[in-house]
């Protein structure tokens, strides 16, 4: 009975985390009811110290809007969010890890490392406007459930081998509990991981694949 209770807790914690990510990563909505679907683009500084400062052209912004399916109002709201985030520490037109951590209110843990890594597609150590918009698009109404599941799965899949191991789940759950100021003993954390695998690892191969994860959430 106690094990069944732990399994329910494990499912609940991972499902809550998934929903939390959806809320957190796409909480920006349009602030007005203007029906004009033309994105009034404000100059966005792109790049960083490696590539030199450059600007995104208006035509590029329009292409990005068409690619992601955002409305003009959503693009404007997201642009404001991007600017307020990238100017927190360095006004260089890109989001650094420390700026994303501060904007999301996270602790300094592997959790923010994983989210930052998934935003930073070209792995150059910063998030530019294109990367920010494309990541946010996954969690918009235009993003598919498959895309949302894949993104959240990759947060747990630290070594990016397509599976979540016990060690990865242990580290990730520990980090997520730390982010939520939840204190548990090491034994309790191991029990939670064991219960999660008992509930999710249907084929018993000792790892959680994408299909296992999709069934869980």
N, C-alpha and C. Protein backbone atom coordinates (compact mmCIF):
# COMPACT_ATOMS: atom_id res chain seq x y z
N UNK A 1 0.83 -1.22 0.00
CA UNK A 1 0.00 0.00 0.00
C UNK A 1 0.87 1.26 0.00
N UNK A 2 1.95 1.21 0.80
CA UNK A 2 2.85 2.36 0.85
C UNK A 2 3.51 2.57 -0.52
N UNK A 3 3.85 1.45 -1.21
CA UNK A 3 4.49 1.56 -2.52
C UNK A 3 3.53 2.17 -3.54
N UNK A 4 2.25 1.77 -3.46
CA UNK A 4 1.25 2.34 -4.37
C UNK A 4 1.13 3.84 -4.15
N UNK A 5 1.21 4.23 -2.88
CA UNK A 5 1.13 5.65 -2.56
C UNK A 5 2.31 6.41 -3.15
N UNK A 6 3.51 5.81 -3.06
CA UNK A 6 4.70 6.42 -3.62
C UNK A 6 4.59 6.54 -5.14
N UNK A 7 4.02 5.52 -5.78
CA UNK A 7 3.85 5.56 -7.23
C UNK A 7 2.94 6.70 -7.63
N UNK A 8 1.87 6.90 -6.87
CA UNK A 8 0.94 8.00 -7.16
C UNK A 8 1.65 9.35 -6.98
N UNK A 9 2.47 9.45 -5.92
CA UNK A 9 3.22 10.68 -5.69
C UNK A 9 4.19 10.94 -6.83
N UNK A 10 4.85 9.87 -7.29
CA UNK A 10 5.81 10.02 -8.38
C UNK A 10 5.14 10.52 -9.64
N UNK A 11 4.01 9.90 -9.99
CA UNK A 11 3.27 10.34 -11.17
C UNK A 11 2.82 11.79 -11.02
N UNK A 12 2.31 12.10 -9.85
CA UNK A 12 1.79 13.45 -9.61
C UNK A 12 2.91 14.49 -9.72
N UNK A 13 4.08 14.19 -9.13
CA UNK A 13 5.17 15.16 -9.14
C UNK A 13 5.64 15.44 -10.57
N UNK A 14 5.81 14.39 -11.37
CA UNK A 14 6.30 14.60 -12.73
C UNK A 14 5.24 15.27 -13.60
N UNK A 15 3.98 14.92 -13.39
CA UNK A 15 2.92 15.56 -14.15
C UNK A 15 2.78 17.04 -13.78
N UNK A 16 2.89 17.33 -12.48
CA UNK A 16 2.83 18.72 -12.02
C UNK A 16 3.99 19.51 -12.61
N UNK A 17 5.17 18.90 -12.64
CA UNK A 17 6.33 19.58 -13.21
C UNK A 17 6.09 19.90 -14.68
N UNK A 18 5.52 18.93 -15.42
CA UNK A 18 5.25 19.14 -16.84
C UNK A 18 4.29 20.31 -17.03
N UNK A 19 3.21 20.33 -16.24
CA UNK A 19 2.24 21.42 -16.35
C UNK A 19 2.86 22.75 -15.93
N UNK A 20 3.75 22.69 -14.91
CA UNK A 20 4.43 23.90 -14.46
C UNK A 20 5.28 24.49 -15.60
N UNK A 21 5.95 23.61 -16.33
CA UNK A 21 6.78 24.08 -17.45
C UNK A 21 5.93 24.74 -18.52
N UNK A 22 4.78 24.13 -18.81
CA UNK A 22 3.89 24.73 -19.81
C UNK A 22 3.45 26.12 -19.39
N UNK A 23 3.12 26.26 -18.12
CA UNK A 23 2.67 27.56 -17.62
C UNK A 23 3.82 28.56 -17.61
N UNK A 24 4.97 28.10 -17.12
CA UNK A 24 6.11 28.98 -16.94
C UNK A 24 6.67 29.48 -18.26
N UNK A 25 6.79 28.58 -19.22
CA UNK A 25 7.47 28.92 -20.47
C UNK A 25 6.56 29.58 -21.49
N UNK A 26 5.24 29.57 -21.24
CA UNK A 26 4.37 30.33 -22.14
C UNK A 26 3.29 31.06 -21.35
N UNK A 27 3.74 32.03 -20.57
CA UNK A 27 2.82 32.82 -19.74
C UNK A 27 2.60 34.20 -20.32
N UNK A 28 3.16 34.46 -21.50
CA UNK A 28 3.06 35.78 -22.12
C UNK A 28 1.90 35.80 -23.10
N UNK A 29 0.99 36.71 -22.92
CA UNK A 29 -0.14 36.87 -23.83
C UNK A 29 -0.22 38.32 -24.30
N UNK A 30 -0.99 38.54 -25.32
CA UNK A 30 -1.16 39.90 -25.84
C UNK A 30 -1.83 40.77 -24.79
N UNK A 31 -1.44 42.05 -24.75
CA UNK A 31 -2.00 42.97 -23.75
C UNK A 31 -3.10 43.85 -24.30
N UNK A 32 -3.37 43.74 -25.62
CA UNK A 32 -4.44 44.54 -26.18
C UNK A 32 -5.23 43.72 -27.17
N UNK A 33 -6.34 44.27 -27.65
CA UNK A 33 -7.23 43.53 -28.53
C UNK A 33 -7.17 44.03 -29.96
N UNK A 34 -6.05 44.62 -30.32
CA UNK A 34 -5.89 45.13 -31.67
C UNK A 34 -5.97 43.98 -32.66
N UNK A 35 -6.83 44.11 -33.67
CA UNK A 35 -7.02 43.06 -34.65
C UNK A 35 -5.98 43.09 -35.76
N UNK A 36 -5.15 44.12 -35.82
CA UNK A 36 -4.14 44.22 -36.86
C UNK A 36 -3.11 43.12 -36.67
N UNK A 37 -2.94 42.26 -37.69
CA UNK A 37 -2.05 41.12 -37.57
C UNK A 37 -0.65 41.41 -38.11
N UNK A 38 -0.32 42.68 -38.27
CA UNK A 38 1.00 43.06 -38.74
C UNK A 38 1.89 43.33 -37.53
N UNK A 39 3.00 42.62 -37.45
CA UNK A 39 3.91 42.76 -36.32
C UNK A 39 4.70 44.05 -36.48
N UNK A 40 4.45 45.03 -35.61
CA UNK A 40 5.23 46.26 -35.60
C UNK A 40 6.54 45.97 -34.90
N UNK A 41 7.59 45.76 -35.70
CA UNK A 41 8.86 45.26 -35.18
C UNK A 41 9.73 46.38 -34.63
N UNK A 42 10.12 46.24 -33.39
CA UNK A 42 11.09 47.15 -32.78
C UNK A 42 12.47 46.52 -32.94
N UNK A 43 13.45 47.33 -33.29
CA UNK A 43 14.79 46.84 -33.57
C UNK A 43 15.30 45.92 -32.46
N UNK A 44 15.68 44.70 -32.84
CA UNK A 44 16.20 43.74 -31.88
C UNK A 44 17.68 43.53 -32.15
N UNK A 45 18.49 43.74 -31.12
CA UNK A 45 19.92 43.50 -31.25
C UNK A 45 20.16 42.00 -31.11
N UNK A 46 20.91 41.43 -32.03
CA UNK A 46 21.20 40.00 -32.01
C UNK A 46 22.68 39.77 -31.77
N UNK A 47 23.01 38.52 -31.46
CA UNK A 47 24.41 38.14 -31.39
C UNK A 47 25.03 38.43 -30.05
N UNK A 48 26.33 38.35 -29.99
CA UNK A 48 27.04 38.57 -28.74
C UNK A 48 28.51 38.82 -29.02
N UNK A 49 29.34 38.57 -28.04
CA UNK A 49 30.75 38.90 -28.17
C UNK A 49 31.46 38.08 -29.23
N UNK A 50 30.95 36.87 -29.50
CA UNK A 50 31.61 36.01 -30.46
C UNK A 50 31.37 36.45 -31.90
N UNK A 51 30.16 36.91 -32.18
CA UNK A 51 29.80 37.22 -33.56
C UNK A 51 29.75 38.72 -33.82
N UNK A 52 29.85 39.52 -32.77
CA UNK A 52 29.72 40.96 -32.93
C UNK A 52 28.26 41.35 -32.93
N UNK A 53 27.99 42.58 -32.55
CA UNK A 53 26.60 43.04 -32.46
C UNK A 53 25.99 43.19 -33.85
N UNK A 54 24.79 42.68 -34.02
CA UNK A 54 24.11 42.83 -35.28
C UNK A 54 22.62 42.97 -35.01
N UNK A 55 21.86 43.40 -35.97
CA UNK A 55 20.44 43.58 -35.76
C UNK A 55 19.63 42.60 -36.59
N UNK A 56 18.47 42.25 -36.10
CA UNK A 56 17.55 41.43 -36.87
C UNK A 56 16.75 42.33 -37.79
N UNK A 57 16.73 41.99 -39.05
CA UNK A 57 15.99 42.79 -40.01
C UNK A 57 14.49 42.55 -39.85
N UNK A 58 13.70 43.53 -40.25
CA UNK A 58 12.25 43.43 -40.15
C UNK A 58 11.74 42.23 -40.94
N UNK A 59 12.34 41.97 -42.09
CA UNK A 59 11.91 40.83 -42.91
C UNK A 59 12.16 39.52 -42.19
N UNK A 60 13.29 39.43 -41.44
CA UNK A 60 13.59 38.23 -40.67
C UNK A 60 12.55 38.02 -39.58
N UNK A 61 12.13 39.11 -38.94
CA UNK A 61 11.13 39.02 -37.88
C UNK A 61 9.80 38.54 -38.45
N UNK A 62 9.45 39.02 -39.65
CA UNK A 62 8.21 38.58 -40.28
C UNK A 62 8.26 37.11 -40.61
N UNK A 63 9.41 36.64 -41.08
CA UNK A 63 9.58 35.23 -41.39
C UNK A 63 9.47 34.38 -40.12
N UNK A 64 10.05 34.88 -39.03
CA UNK A 64 9.98 34.18 -37.74
C UNK A 64 8.55 34.09 -37.25
N UNK A 65 7.77 35.15 -37.46
CA UNK A 65 6.37 35.14 -37.06
C UNK A 65 5.59 34.10 -37.85
N UNK A 66 5.83 34.04 -39.16
CA UNK A 66 5.14 33.05 -39.99
C UNK A 66 5.54 31.63 -39.61
N UNK A 67 6.81 31.45 -39.30
CA UNK A 67 7.32 30.12 -38.94
C UNK A 67 6.68 29.60 -37.66
N UNK A 68 6.54 30.48 -36.67
CA UNK A 68 6.05 30.06 -35.35
C UNK A 68 4.54 30.14 -35.21
N UNK A 69 3.87 30.93 -36.07
CA UNK A 69 2.42 31.05 -35.99
C UNK A 69 1.93 32.00 -34.92
N UNK A 70 2.82 32.79 -34.33
CA UNK A 70 2.39 33.76 -33.33
C UNK A 70 1.64 34.91 -34.02
N UNK A 71 0.69 35.48 -33.30
CA UNK A 71 0.02 36.68 -33.79
C UNK A 71 0.95 37.87 -33.60
N UNK A 72 0.58 38.99 -34.21
CA UNK A 72 1.38 40.20 -34.05
C UNK A 72 1.46 40.63 -32.59
N UNK A 73 0.33 40.55 -31.89
CA UNK A 73 0.29 40.96 -30.49
C UNK A 73 1.16 40.05 -29.62
N UNK A 74 1.14 38.75 -29.92
CA UNK A 74 1.96 37.82 -29.16
C UNK A 74 3.45 38.07 -29.42
N UNK A 75 3.80 38.34 -30.67
CA UNK A 75 5.19 38.64 -30.99
C UNK A 75 5.67 39.89 -30.24
N UNK A 76 4.82 40.90 -30.18
CA UNK A 76 5.18 42.12 -29.49
C UNK A 76 5.35 41.88 -27.98
N UNK A 77 4.44 41.07 -27.42
CA UNK A 77 4.53 40.76 -25.99
C UNK A 77 5.79 39.94 -25.70
N UNK A 78 6.10 39.00 -26.57
CA UNK A 78 7.29 38.18 -26.40
C UNK A 78 8.56 39.01 -26.58
N UNK A 79 8.51 39.97 -27.48
CA UNK A 79 9.66 40.83 -27.68
C UNK A 79 9.94 41.66 -26.42
N UNK A 80 8.86 42.15 -25.79
CA UNK A 80 9.03 42.91 -24.55
C UNK A 80 9.63 42.03 -23.45
N UNK A 81 9.14 40.78 -23.39
CA UNK A 81 9.67 39.85 -22.39
C UNK A 81 11.14 39.56 -22.64
N UNK A 82 11.49 39.36 -23.92
CA UNK A 82 12.88 39.10 -24.27
C UNK A 82 13.78 40.27 -23.85
N UNK A 83 13.34 41.48 -24.18
CA UNK A 83 14.15 42.66 -23.85
C UNK A 83 14.31 42.82 -22.34
N UNK A 84 13.23 42.62 -21.59
CA UNK A 84 13.33 42.79 -20.14
C UNK A 84 14.23 41.74 -19.52
N UNK A 85 14.29 40.55 -20.14
CA UNK A 85 15.14 39.48 -19.63
C UNK A 85 16.59 39.67 -20.00
N UNK A 86 16.84 40.03 -21.27
CA UNK A 86 18.24 40.13 -21.72
C UNK A 86 18.94 41.38 -21.21
N UNK A 87 18.20 42.30 -20.64
CA UNK A 87 18.81 43.52 -20.12
C UNK A 87 18.97 43.52 -18.60
N UNK A 88 18.75 42.36 -17.99
CA UNK A 88 18.82 42.29 -16.53
C UNK A 88 20.24 42.52 -16.01
N UNK A 89 21.23 41.98 -16.72
CA UNK A 89 22.62 42.11 -16.26
C UNK A 89 23.50 42.77 -17.31
N UNK A 90 23.35 42.34 -18.56
CA UNK A 90 24.16 42.89 -19.64
C UNK A 90 23.25 43.29 -20.79
N UNK A 91 23.33 44.54 -21.19
CA UNK A 91 22.48 45.02 -22.28
C UNK A 91 23.14 44.71 -23.62
N UNK A 92 23.27 43.40 -23.92
CA UNK A 92 23.96 42.99 -25.14
C UNK A 92 23.04 42.30 -26.13
N UNK A 93 21.73 42.29 -25.84
CA UNK A 93 20.77 41.75 -26.80
C UNK A 93 20.63 40.24 -26.82
N UNK A 94 21.22 39.56 -25.85
CA UNK A 94 21.07 38.11 -25.73
C UNK A 94 20.84 37.76 -24.27
N UNK A 95 20.25 36.60 -24.02
CA UNK A 95 19.96 36.16 -22.66
C UNK A 95 21.06 35.22 -22.18
N UNK A 96 21.68 35.57 -21.08
CA UNK A 96 22.69 34.71 -20.48
C UNK A 96 22.02 33.80 -19.44
N UNK A 97 22.72 32.76 -19.06
CA UNK A 97 22.17 31.80 -18.10
C UNK A 97 21.72 32.49 -16.82
N UNK A 98 22.54 33.39 -16.31
CA UNK A 98 22.21 34.08 -15.06
C UNK A 98 20.95 34.93 -15.21
N UNK A 99 20.74 35.49 -16.38
CA UNK A 99 19.56 36.32 -16.63
C UNK A 99 18.30 35.46 -16.70
N UNK A 100 18.41 34.29 -17.35
CA UNK A 100 17.26 33.39 -17.41
C UNK A 100 16.92 32.86 -16.03
N UNK A 101 17.96 32.52 -15.26
CA UNK A 101 17.74 32.02 -13.90
C UNK A 101 17.01 33.06 -13.05
N UNK A 102 17.44 34.30 -13.16
CA UNK A 102 16.83 35.37 -12.38
C UNK A 102 15.40 35.63 -12.85
N UNK A 103 15.17 35.61 -14.16
CA UNK A 103 13.83 35.87 -14.70
C UNK A 103 12.84 34.81 -14.27
N UNK A 104 13.28 33.55 -14.21
CA UNK A 104 12.39 32.46 -13.84
C UNK A 104 12.32 32.26 -12.33
N UNK A 105 13.21 32.92 -11.60
CA UNK A 105 13.19 32.79 -10.14
C UNK A 105 13.70 31.45 -9.67
N UNK A 106 14.61 30.85 -10.44
CA UNK A 106 15.14 29.53 -10.10
C UNK A 106 16.37 29.65 -9.20
N UNK A 107 16.66 28.54 -8.50
CA UNK A 107 17.90 28.42 -7.77
C UNK A 107 19.01 28.07 -8.77
N UNK A 108 20.22 28.03 -8.28
CA UNK A 108 21.35 27.68 -9.14
C UNK A 108 21.50 26.16 -9.14
N UNK A 109 20.76 25.48 -10.01
CA UNK A 109 20.76 24.02 -10.04
C UNK A 109 20.84 23.51 -11.47
N UNK A 110 20.93 22.19 -11.61
CA UNK A 110 21.00 21.60 -12.95
C UNK A 110 19.70 21.82 -13.71
N UNK A 111 18.63 22.15 -13.01
CA UNK A 111 17.34 22.36 -13.65
C UNK A 111 17.41 23.54 -14.61
N UNK A 112 17.99 24.64 -14.16
CA UNK A 112 18.12 25.81 -15.02
C UNK A 112 19.13 25.52 -16.13
N UNK A 113 20.14 24.69 -15.84
CA UNK A 113 21.11 24.32 -16.87
C UNK A 113 20.42 23.60 -18.03
N UNK A 114 19.52 22.69 -17.70
CA UNK A 114 18.84 21.92 -18.74
C UNK A 114 17.91 22.80 -19.57
N UNK A 115 17.15 23.66 -18.91
CA UNK A 115 16.24 24.54 -19.64
C UNK A 115 17.03 25.48 -20.54
N UNK A 116 18.11 26.04 -20.01
CA UNK A 116 18.94 26.95 -20.81
C UNK A 116 19.52 26.21 -22.01
N UNK A 117 19.97 25.00 -21.80
CA UNK A 117 20.56 24.20 -22.88
C UNK A 117 19.56 23.97 -24.00
N UNK A 118 18.30 23.74 -23.66
CA UNK A 118 17.28 23.46 -24.67
C UNK A 118 16.86 24.72 -25.42
N UNK A 119 16.96 25.87 -24.78
CA UNK A 119 16.70 27.13 -25.47
C UNK A 119 17.86 27.47 -26.40
N UNK A 120 19.08 27.24 -25.93
CA UNK A 120 20.29 27.63 -26.67
C UNK A 120 20.62 26.57 -27.72
N UNK A 121 19.92 26.62 -28.84
CA UNK A 121 20.03 25.56 -29.85
C UNK A 121 21.41 25.46 -30.47
N UNK A 122 22.07 26.59 -30.70
CA UNK A 122 23.38 26.52 -31.34
C UNK A 122 24.52 26.35 -30.34
N UNK A 123 24.18 26.24 -29.06
CA UNK A 123 25.13 25.93 -27.98
C UNK A 123 26.29 26.93 -27.92
N UNK A 124 25.99 28.21 -28.14
CA UNK A 124 27.04 29.21 -28.05
C UNK A 124 27.04 29.95 -26.71
N UNK A 125 26.23 29.46 -25.77
CA UNK A 125 26.28 30.00 -24.42
C UNK A 125 25.33 31.15 -24.15
N UNK A 126 24.55 31.56 -25.15
CA UNK A 126 23.56 32.63 -24.97
C UNK A 126 22.31 32.28 -25.78
N UNK A 127 21.19 32.91 -25.40
CA UNK A 127 19.92 32.71 -26.12
C UNK A 127 19.61 33.99 -26.89
N UNK A 128 19.55 33.88 -28.22
CA UNK A 128 19.21 35.06 -28.99
C UNK A 128 17.70 35.11 -29.23
N UNK A 129 17.23 36.15 -29.89
CA UNK A 129 15.79 36.35 -30.06
C UNK A 129 15.14 35.21 -30.83
N UNK A 130 15.80 34.74 -31.89
CA UNK A 130 15.23 33.65 -32.68
C UNK A 130 15.08 32.39 -31.83
N UNK A 131 16.10 32.06 -31.06
CA UNK A 131 16.04 30.86 -30.21
C UNK A 131 14.94 31.00 -29.16
N UNK A 132 14.82 32.19 -28.60
CA UNK A 132 13.80 32.44 -27.60
C UNK A 132 12.39 32.24 -28.17
N UNK A 133 12.15 32.83 -29.34
CA UNK A 133 10.82 32.73 -29.96
C UNK A 133 10.51 31.30 -30.36
N UNK A 134 11.48 30.60 -30.93
CA UNK A 134 11.24 29.22 -31.37
C UNK A 134 10.97 28.29 -30.20
N UNK A 135 11.66 28.52 -29.08
CA UNK A 135 11.41 27.71 -27.89
C UNK A 135 10.03 28.00 -27.32
N UNK A 136 9.67 29.28 -27.26
CA UNK A 136 8.36 29.65 -26.73
C UNK A 136 7.23 29.13 -27.62
N UNK A 137 7.50 29.01 -28.91
CA UNK A 137 6.47 28.54 -29.84
C UNK A 137 6.06 27.10 -29.53
N UNK A 138 6.98 26.32 -28.99
CA UNK A 138 6.66 24.94 -28.65
C UNK A 138 5.53 24.89 -27.63
N UNK A 139 5.53 25.86 -26.71
CA UNK A 139 4.54 25.86 -25.63
C UNK A 139 3.34 26.76 -25.92
N UNK A 140 3.24 27.22 -27.14
CA UNK A 140 2.07 28.00 -27.53
C UNK A 140 0.98 27.05 -28.02
N UNK A 141 -0.14 27.61 -28.39
CA UNK A 141 -1.23 26.80 -28.93
C UNK A 141 -0.83 26.17 -30.26
N UNK A 142 0.16 26.75 -30.93
CA UNK A 142 0.59 26.23 -32.22
C UNK A 142 1.52 25.03 -32.08
N UNK A 143 2.14 24.89 -30.92
CA UNK A 143 3.04 23.75 -30.71
C UNK A 143 2.25 22.48 -30.48
N UNK A 144 2.73 21.39 -31.04
CA UNK A 144 2.04 20.11 -30.91
C UNK A 144 2.32 19.49 -29.54
N UNK A 145 1.46 18.57 -29.14
CA UNK A 145 1.68 17.86 -27.88
C UNK A 145 2.99 17.08 -27.94
N UNK A 146 3.29 16.54 -29.10
CA UNK A 146 4.55 15.79 -29.27
C UNK A 146 5.76 16.68 -29.01
N UNK A 147 5.72 17.92 -29.50
CA UNK A 147 6.82 18.85 -29.28
C UNK A 147 6.95 19.20 -27.80
N UNK A 148 5.82 19.42 -27.14
CA UNK A 148 5.82 19.75 -25.72
C UNK A 148 6.39 18.60 -24.89
N UNK A 149 5.96 17.38 -25.22
CA UNK A 149 6.45 16.20 -24.51
C UNK A 149 7.95 16.01 -24.73
N UNK A 150 8.39 16.19 -25.97
CA UNK A 150 9.80 16.01 -26.29
C UNK A 150 10.66 17.02 -25.53
N UNK A 151 10.21 18.27 -25.47
CA UNK A 151 10.97 19.31 -24.77
C UNK A 151 11.10 18.96 -23.29
N UNK A 152 9.98 18.64 -22.66
CA UNK A 152 10.02 18.35 -21.22
C UNK A 152 10.80 17.06 -20.95
N UNK A 153 10.69 16.07 -21.85
CA UNK A 153 11.45 14.83 -21.70
C UNK A 153 12.95 15.12 -21.72
N UNK A 154 13.37 16.02 -22.60
CA UNK A 154 14.79 16.33 -22.73
C UNK A 154 15.37 17.00 -21.49
N UNK A 155 14.52 17.62 -20.69
CA UNK A 155 15.01 18.21 -19.44
C UNK A 155 15.53 17.11 -18.51
N UNK A 156 14.82 15.98 -18.49
CA UNK A 156 15.20 14.86 -17.64
C UNK A 156 16.34 14.04 -18.26
N UNK A 157 16.37 13.97 -19.59
CA UNK A 157 17.37 13.17 -20.30
C UNK A 157 18.68 13.95 -20.37
N UNK A 158 19.42 13.95 -19.29
CA UNK A 158 20.60 14.81 -19.15
C UNK A 158 21.68 14.47 -20.17
N UNK A 159 21.96 13.19 -20.39
CA UNK A 159 23.03 12.83 -21.32
C UNK A 159 22.54 12.76 -22.76
N UNK A 160 21.25 13.03 -22.96
CA UNK A 160 20.65 13.14 -24.30
C UNK A 160 20.82 11.87 -25.13
N UNK A 161 20.65 10.71 -24.48
CA UNK A 161 20.75 9.45 -25.20
C UNK A 161 19.38 8.88 -25.57
N UNK A 162 18.32 9.66 -25.28
CA UNK A 162 16.97 9.22 -25.63
C UNK A 162 16.27 8.45 -24.54
N UNK A 163 16.90 8.32 -23.39
CA UNK A 163 16.31 7.60 -22.26
C UNK A 163 16.60 8.33 -20.95
N UNK A 164 15.72 8.13 -19.97
CA UNK A 164 15.94 8.67 -18.64
C UNK A 164 16.37 7.52 -17.74
N UNK A 165 17.59 7.56 -17.24
CA UNK A 165 18.09 6.51 -16.36
C UNK A 165 17.70 6.81 -14.92
N UNK A 166 17.95 5.85 -14.05
CA UNK A 166 17.67 6.06 -12.64
C UNK A 166 18.50 7.22 -12.08
N UNK A 167 19.77 7.26 -12.47
CA UNK A 167 20.65 8.32 -11.98
C UNK A 167 20.16 9.69 -12.45
N UNK A 168 19.75 9.78 -13.72
CA UNK A 168 19.25 11.04 -14.25
C UNK A 168 17.97 11.46 -13.54
N UNK A 169 17.09 10.49 -13.29
CA UNK A 169 15.84 10.82 -12.60
C UNK A 169 16.12 11.25 -11.17
N UNK A 170 17.06 10.57 -10.54
CA UNK A 170 17.44 10.93 -9.17
C UNK A 170 17.93 12.38 -9.11
N UNK A 171 18.82 12.72 -10.02
CA UNK A 171 19.38 14.08 -10.05
C UNK A 171 18.30 15.11 -10.40
N UNK A 172 17.46 14.76 -11.38
CA UNK A 172 16.45 15.72 -11.85
C UNK A 172 15.36 15.94 -10.82
N UNK A 173 14.89 14.86 -10.21
CA UNK A 173 13.85 15.00 -9.17
C UNK A 173 14.43 15.76 -7.98
N UNK A 174 15.66 15.46 -7.63
CA UNK A 174 16.30 16.19 -6.54
C UNK A 174 16.38 17.68 -6.83
N UNK A 175 16.73 18.00 -8.08
CA UNK A 175 16.83 19.41 -8.47
C UNK A 175 15.46 20.09 -8.47
N UNK A 176 14.43 19.37 -8.95
CA UNK A 176 13.09 19.96 -9.00
C UNK A 176 12.53 20.18 -7.59
N UNK A 177 12.82 19.24 -6.69
CA UNK A 177 12.39 19.42 -5.30
C UNK A 177 13.12 20.60 -4.66
N UNK A 178 14.40 20.73 -4.99
CA UNK A 178 15.20 21.85 -4.49
C UNK A 178 14.63 23.18 -4.98
N UNK A 179 14.21 23.22 -6.25
CA UNK A 179 13.63 24.44 -6.80
C UNK A 179 12.35 24.82 -6.07
N UNK A 180 11.64 23.83 -5.59
CA UNK A 180 10.37 24.08 -4.90
C UNK A 180 10.53 24.10 -3.37
N UNK A 181 11.80 24.14 -2.92
CA UNK A 181 12.10 24.21 -1.48
C UNK A 181 11.49 23.05 -0.71
N UNK A 182 11.45 21.87 -1.35
CA UNK A 182 10.94 20.67 -0.69
C UNK A 182 12.14 19.84 -0.22
N UNK A 183 12.20 19.57 1.07
CA UNK A 183 13.32 18.82 1.62
C UNK A 183 12.92 17.37 1.88
N UNK A 184 13.67 16.44 1.33
CA UNK A 184 13.45 15.02 1.57
C UNK A 184 14.79 14.38 1.86
N UNK A 185 14.76 13.24 2.54
CA UNK A 185 15.99 12.53 2.83
C UNK A 185 16.45 11.79 1.58
N UNK A 186 17.70 11.36 1.59
CA UNK A 186 18.24 10.61 0.45
C UNK A 186 17.47 9.31 0.24
N UNK A 187 17.10 8.66 1.35
CA UNK A 187 16.32 7.42 1.26
C UNK A 187 14.96 7.68 0.63
N UNK A 188 14.32 8.77 1.02
CA UNK A 188 13.02 9.10 0.45
C UNK A 188 13.12 9.40 -1.04
N UNK A 189 14.21 10.05 -1.42
CA UNK A 189 14.41 10.37 -2.84
C UNK A 189 14.62 9.09 -3.64
N UNK A 190 15.40 8.16 -3.11
CA UNK A 190 15.60 6.87 -3.78
C UNK A 190 14.28 6.11 -3.90
N UNK A 191 13.47 6.16 -2.84
CA UNK A 191 12.16 5.50 -2.87
C UNK A 191 11.25 6.10 -3.92
N UNK A 192 11.31 7.42 -4.06
CA UNK A 192 10.49 8.11 -5.06
C UNK A 192 10.92 7.70 -6.47
N UNK A 193 12.23 7.61 -6.69
CA UNK A 193 12.74 7.18 -8.00
C UNK A 193 12.33 5.74 -8.28
N UNK A 194 12.48 4.86 -7.29
CA UNK A 194 12.08 3.46 -7.46
C UNK A 194 10.59 3.36 -7.78
N UNK A 195 9.78 4.15 -7.08
CA UNK A 195 8.33 4.12 -7.31
C UNK A 195 7.99 4.62 -8.69
N UNK A 196 8.72 5.62 -9.15
CA UNK A 196 8.48 6.16 -10.49
C UNK A 196 8.77 5.10 -11.54
N UNK A 197 9.90 4.41 -11.41
CA UNK A 197 10.24 3.37 -12.37
C UNK A 197 9.24 2.21 -12.32
N UNK A 198 8.78 1.89 -11.12
CA UNK A 198 7.79 0.82 -11.00
C UNK A 198 6.50 1.18 -11.72
N UNK A 199 6.16 2.47 -11.70
CA UNK A 199 4.91 2.92 -12.31
C UNK A 199 5.04 3.17 -13.81
N UNK A 200 6.24 3.54 -14.26
CA UNK A 200 6.40 4.02 -15.63
C UNK A 200 7.15 3.04 -16.54
N UNK A 201 8.17 2.38 -16.00
CA UNK A 201 9.00 1.49 -16.82
C UNK A 201 8.28 0.17 -17.06
N UNK A 202 7.35 0.19 -18.00
CA UNK A 202 6.47 -0.95 -18.25
C UNK A 202 7.23 -2.18 -18.70
N UNK A 203 8.22 -2.01 -19.58
CA UNK A 203 8.94 -3.17 -20.11
C UNK A 203 10.07 -3.62 -19.19
N UNK A 204 10.30 -2.90 -18.10
CA UNK A 204 11.28 -3.32 -17.11
C UNK A 204 12.72 -3.31 -17.58
N UNK A 205 13.07 -2.44 -18.53
CA UNK A 205 14.44 -2.41 -19.04
C UNK A 205 15.35 -1.47 -18.24
N UNK A 206 14.81 -0.90 -17.16
CA UNK A 206 15.63 -0.06 -16.30
C UNK A 206 15.85 1.34 -16.79
N UNK A 207 15.04 1.79 -17.74
CA UNK A 207 15.14 3.15 -18.23
C UNK A 207 13.79 3.58 -18.77
N UNK A 208 13.57 4.89 -18.78
CA UNK A 208 12.30 5.44 -19.24
C UNK A 208 12.49 6.05 -20.62
N UNK A 209 11.82 5.46 -21.59
CA UNK A 209 11.87 5.97 -22.95
C UNK A 209 10.78 6.99 -23.20
N UNK A 210 10.79 7.55 -24.40
CA UNK A 210 9.81 8.57 -24.73
C UNK A 210 8.38 8.03 -24.66
N UNK A 211 8.18 6.78 -25.08
CA UNK A 211 6.83 6.20 -25.06
C UNK A 211 6.35 6.00 -23.61
N UNK A 212 7.28 5.58 -22.73
CA UNK A 212 6.94 5.42 -21.30
C UNK A 212 6.53 6.79 -20.72
N UNK A 213 7.33 7.79 -21.05
CA UNK A 213 7.10 9.14 -20.53
C UNK A 213 5.77 9.70 -21.01
N UNK A 214 5.47 9.49 -22.29
CA UNK A 214 4.22 9.99 -22.86
C UNK A 214 3.01 9.38 -22.17
N UNK A 215 3.10 8.09 -21.83
CA UNK A 215 1.99 7.43 -21.13
C UNK A 215 1.82 8.02 -19.74
N UNK A 216 2.91 8.38 -19.11
CA UNK A 216 2.86 8.89 -17.74
C UNK A 216 2.19 10.26 -17.66
N UNK A 217 2.57 11.17 -18.57
CA UNK A 217 2.04 12.53 -18.48
C UNK A 217 0.75 12.66 -19.26
